[in-house]
Amino acid sequence: MITCSVCGHLNSPERVTCEECGSDLSDSSDWDDEYLFEDD
């Protein structure tokens, strides 16, 4: 789970933006390259 650094909402790893406030989750300390998916 990725915690939004703005509102604290827990988001699923496939999210790029917070589903609660819309903030960019790449700013979160939980963000990691493992959450980036390449197209097949």
PDB file of N, CA and C in Angstrom:
ATOM      1  N   MET A   1       0.837  -1.180   0.000  1.00  0.00           N
ATOM      2  CA  MET A   1       0.000   0.000   0.000  1.00  0.00           C
ATOM      3  C   MET A   1       0.886   1.249   0.000  1.00  0.00           C
ATOM      4  N   ILE A   2       0.393   2.273  -0.669  1.00  0.00           N
ATOM      5  CA  ILE A   2       1.110   3.545  -0.718  1.00  0.00           C
ATOM      6  C   ILE A   2       0.298   4.571   0.071  1.00  0.00           C
ATOM      7  N   THR A   3       0.926   5.187   1.053  1.00  0.00           N
ATOM      8  CA  THR A   3       0.268   6.208   1.854  1.00  0.00           C
ATOM      9  C   THR A   3       0.462   7.564   1.197  1.00  0.00           C
ATOM     10  N   CYS A   4      -0.624   8.264   0.951  1.00  0.00           N
ATOM     11  CA  CYS A   4      -0.553   9.600   0.358  1.00  0.00           C
ATOM     12  C   CYS A   4       0.138  10.550   1.327  1.00  0.00           C
ATOM     13  N   SER A   5       1.129  11.295   0.844  1.00  0.00           N
ATOM     14  CA  SER A   5       1.865  12.226   1.695  1.00  0.00           C
ATOM     15  C   SER A   5       1.064  13.488   2.001  1.00  0.00           C
ATOM     16  N   VAL A   6      -0.049  13.699   1.289  1.00  0.00           N
ATOM     17  CA  VAL A   6      -0.876  14.887   1.510  1.00  0.00           C
ATOM     18  C   VAL A   6      -2.006  14.602   2.503  1.00  0.00           C
ATOM     19  N   CYS A   7      -2.803  13.554   2.228  1.00  0.00           N
ATOM     20  CA  CYS A   7      -3.986  13.306   3.063  1.00  0.00           C
ATOM     21  C   CYS A   7      -3.885  12.062   3.929  1.00  0.00           C
ATOM     22  N   GLY A   8      -2.877  11.210   3.695  1.00  0.00           N
ATOM     23  CA  GLY A   8      -2.686  10.026   4.520  1.00  0.00           C
ATOM     24  C   GLY A   8      -3.502   8.821   4.096  1.00  0.00           C
ATOM     25  N   HIS A   9      -4.236   8.937   2.994  1.00  0.00           N
ATOM     26  CA  HIS A   9      -5.065   7.824   2.518  1.00  0.00           C
ATOM     27  C   HIS A   9      -4.180   6.678   2.035  1.00  0.00           C
ATOM     28  N   LEU A  10      -4.588   5.436   2.327  1.00  0.00           N
ATOM     29  CA  LEU A  10      -3.868   4.260   1.844  1.00  0.00           C
ATOM     30  C   LEU A  10      -4.381   3.894   0.455  1.00  0.00           C
ATOM     31  N   ASN A  11      -3.472   3.828  -0.502  1.00  0.00           N
ATOM     32  CA  ASN A  11      -3.806   3.530  -1.886  1.00  0.00           C
ATOM     33  C   ASN A  11      -3.177   2.214  -2.314  1.00  0.00           C
ATOM     34  N   SER A  12      -3.828   1.522  -3.234  1.00  0.00           N
ATOM     35  CA  SER A  12      -3.275   0.278  -3.753  1.00  0.00           C
ATOM     36  C   SER A  12      -2.026   0.579  -4.573  1.00  0.00           C
ATOM     37  N   PRO A  13      -1.102  -0.378  -4.675  1.00  0.00           N
ATOM     38  CA  PRO A  13       0.187  -0.151  -5.334  1.00  0.00           C
ATOM     39  C   PRO A  13       0.096   0.249  -6.796  1.00  0.00           C
ATOM     40  N   GLU A  14      -0.980  -0.099  -7.480  1.00  0.00           N
ATOM     41  CA  GLU A  14      -1.079   0.262  -8.901  1.00  0.00           C
ATOM     42  C   GLU A  14      -1.533   1.698  -9.123  1.00  0.00           C
ATOM     43  N   ARG A  15      -1.882   2.405  -8.056  1.00  0.00           N
ATOM     44  CA  ARG A  15      -2.315   3.800  -8.181  1.00  0.00           C
ATOM     45  C   ARG A  15      -1.115   4.712  -8.426  1.00  0.00           C
ATOM     46  N   VAL A  16      -1.317   5.731  -9.262  1.00  0.00           N
ATOM     47  CA  VAL A  16      -0.296   6.746  -9.511  1.00  0.00           C
ATOM     48  C   VAL A  16      -0.686   8.037  -8.794  1.00  0.00           C
ATOM     49  N   THR A  17      -1.999   8.249  -8.667  1.00  0.00           N
ATOM     50  CA  THR A  17      -2.509   9.391  -7.928  1.00  0.00           C
ATOM     51  C   THR A  17      -3.405   8.892  -6.800  1.00  0.00           C
ATOM     52  N   CYS A  18      -3.515   9.671  -5.748  1.00  0.00           N
ATOM     53  CA  CYS A  18      -4.339   9.294  -4.601  1.00  0.00           C
ATOM     54  C   CYS A  18      -5.809   9.263  -4.997  1.00  0.00           C
ATOM     55  N   GLU A  19      -6.491   8.172  -4.650  1.00  0.00           N
ATOM     56  CA  GLU A  19      -7.908   8.064  -4.993  1.00  0.00           C
ATOM     57  C   GLU A  19      -8.767   8.959  -4.106  1.00  0.00           C
ATOM     58  N   GLU A  20      -8.214   9.472  -3.020  1.00  0.00           N
ATOM     59  CA  GLU A  20      -8.962  10.351  -2.118  1.00  0.00           C
ATOM     60  C   GLU A  20      -8.815  11.829  -2.501  1.00  0.00           C
ATOM     61  N   CYS A  21      -7.575  12.281  -2.693  1.00  0.00           N
ATOM     62  CA  CYS A  21      -7.362  13.715  -2.948  1.00  0.00           C
ATOM     63  C   CYS A  21      -6.757  14.024  -4.311  1.00  0.00           C
ATOM     64  N   GLY A  22      -6.302  12.995  -5.032  1.00  0.00           N
ATOM     65  CA  GLY A  22      -5.765  13.206  -6.379  1.00  0.00           C
ATOM     66  C   GLY A  22      -4.301  13.604  -6.442  1.00  0.00           C
ATOM     67  N   SER A  23      -3.629  13.638  -5.300  1.00  0.00           N
ATOM     68  CA  SER A  23      -2.208  14.018  -5.287  1.00  0.00           C
ATOM     69  C   SER A  23      -1.336  12.944  -5.934  1.00  0.00           C
ATOM     70  N   ASP A  24      -0.194  13.378  -6.433  1.00  0.00           N
ATOM     71  CA  ASP A  24       0.775  12.485  -7.059  1.00  0.00           C
ATOM     72  C   ASP A  24       1.415  11.603  -5.986  1.00  0.00           C
ATOM     73  N   LEU A  25       1.263  10.288  -6.126  1.00  0.00           N
ATOM     74  CA  LEU A  25       1.788   9.366  -5.118  1.00  0.00           C
ATOM     75  C   LEU A  25       3.293   9.151  -5.216  1.00  0.00           C
ATOM     76  N   SER A  26       3.924   9.613  -6.296  1.00  0.00           N
ATOM     77  CA  SER A  26       5.382   9.460  -6.390  1.00  0.00           C
ATOM     78  C   SER A  26       6.091  10.322  -5.346  1.00  0.00           C
ATOM     79  N   ASP A  27       5.365  11.249  -4.719  1.00  0.00           N
ATOM     80  CA  ASP A  27       5.929  12.059  -3.640  1.00  0.00           C
ATOM     81  C   ASP A  27       5.921  11.321  -2.304  1.00  0.00           C
ATOM     82  N   SER A  28       5.224  10.188  -2.247  1.00  0.00           N
ATOM     83  CA  SER A  28       5.102   9.428  -1.006  1.00  0.00           C
ATOM     84  C   SER A  28       6.397   8.692  -0.681  1.00  0.00           C
ATOM     85  N   SER A  29       6.689   8.572   0.613  1.00  0.00           N
ATOM     86  CA  SER A  29       7.879   7.810   1.026  1.00  0.00           C
ATOM     87  C   SER A  29       7.695   6.324   0.752  1.00  0.00           C
ATOM     88  N   ASP A  30       6.451   5.885   0.528  1.00  0.00           N
ATOM     89  CA  ASP A  30       6.168   4.482   0.219  1.00  0.00           C
ATOM     90  C   ASP A  30       6.390   4.164  -1.253  1.00  0.00           C
ATOM     91  N   TRP A  31       6.546   5.199  -2.080  1.00  0.00           N
ATOM     92  CA  TRP A  31       6.704   5.000  -3.524  1.00  0.00           C
ATOM     93  C   TRP A  31       8.033   4.312  -3.799  1.00  0.00           C
ATOM     94  N   ASP A  32       8.026   3.352  -4.715  1.00  0.00           N
ATOM     95  CA  ASP A  32       9.234   2.619  -5.076  1.00  0.00           C
ATOM     96  C   ASP A  32       9.110   2.245  -6.535  1.00  0.00           C
ATOM     97  N   ASP A  33      10.217   2.021  -7.203  1.00  0.00           N
ATOM     98  CA  ASP A  33      10.195   1.645  -8.611  1.00  0.00           C
ATOM     99  C   ASP A  33       9.427   0.351  -8.847  1.00  0.00           C
ATOM    100  N   GLU A  34       9.254  -0.474  -7.816  1.00  0.00           N
ATOM    101  CA  GLU A  34       8.515  -1.723  -7.991  1.00  0.00           C
ATOM    102  C   GLU A  34       7.048  -1.445  -8.327  1.00  0.00           C
ATOM    103  N   TYR A  35       6.582  -0.225  -8.074  1.00  0.00           N
ATOM    104  CA  TYR A  35       5.193   0.120  -8.369  1.00  0.00           C
ATOM    105  C   TYR A  35       5.003   0.584  -9.815  1.00  0.00           C
ATOM    106  N   LEU A  36       6.099   0.734 -10.531  1.00  0.00           N
ATOM    107  CA  LEU A  36       5.999   1.159 -11.928  1.00  0.00           C
ATOM    108  C   LEU A  36       5.864  -0.067 -12.815  1.00  0.00           C
ATOM    109  N   PHE A  37       4.850  -0.084 -13.622  1.00  0.00           N
ATOM    110  CA  PHE A  37       4.583  -1.222 -14.498  1.00  0.00           C
ATOM    111  C   PHE A  37       4.831  -0.835 -15.944  1.00  0.00           C
ATOM    112  N   GLU A  38       5.460  -1.709 -16.698  1.00  0.00           N
ATOM    113  CA  GLU A  38       5.671  -1.476 -18.109  1.00  0.00           C
ATOM    114  C   GLU A  38       4.549  -2.131 -18.884  1.00  0.00           C
ATOM    115  N   ASP A  39       4.210  -1.536 -20.026  1.00  0.00           N
ATOM    116  CA  ASP A  39       3.213  -2.142 -20.901  1.00  0.00           C
ATOM    117  C   ASP A  39       3.805  -3.377 -21.547  1.00  0.00           C
ATOM    118  N   ASP A  40       3.005  -4.434 -21.680  1.00  0.00           N
ATOM    119  CA  ASP A  40       3.473  -5.667 -22.318  1.00  0.00           C
ATOM    120  C   ASP A  40       3.486  -5.534 -23.815  1.00  0.00           C
TER     121      ASP A  40
END
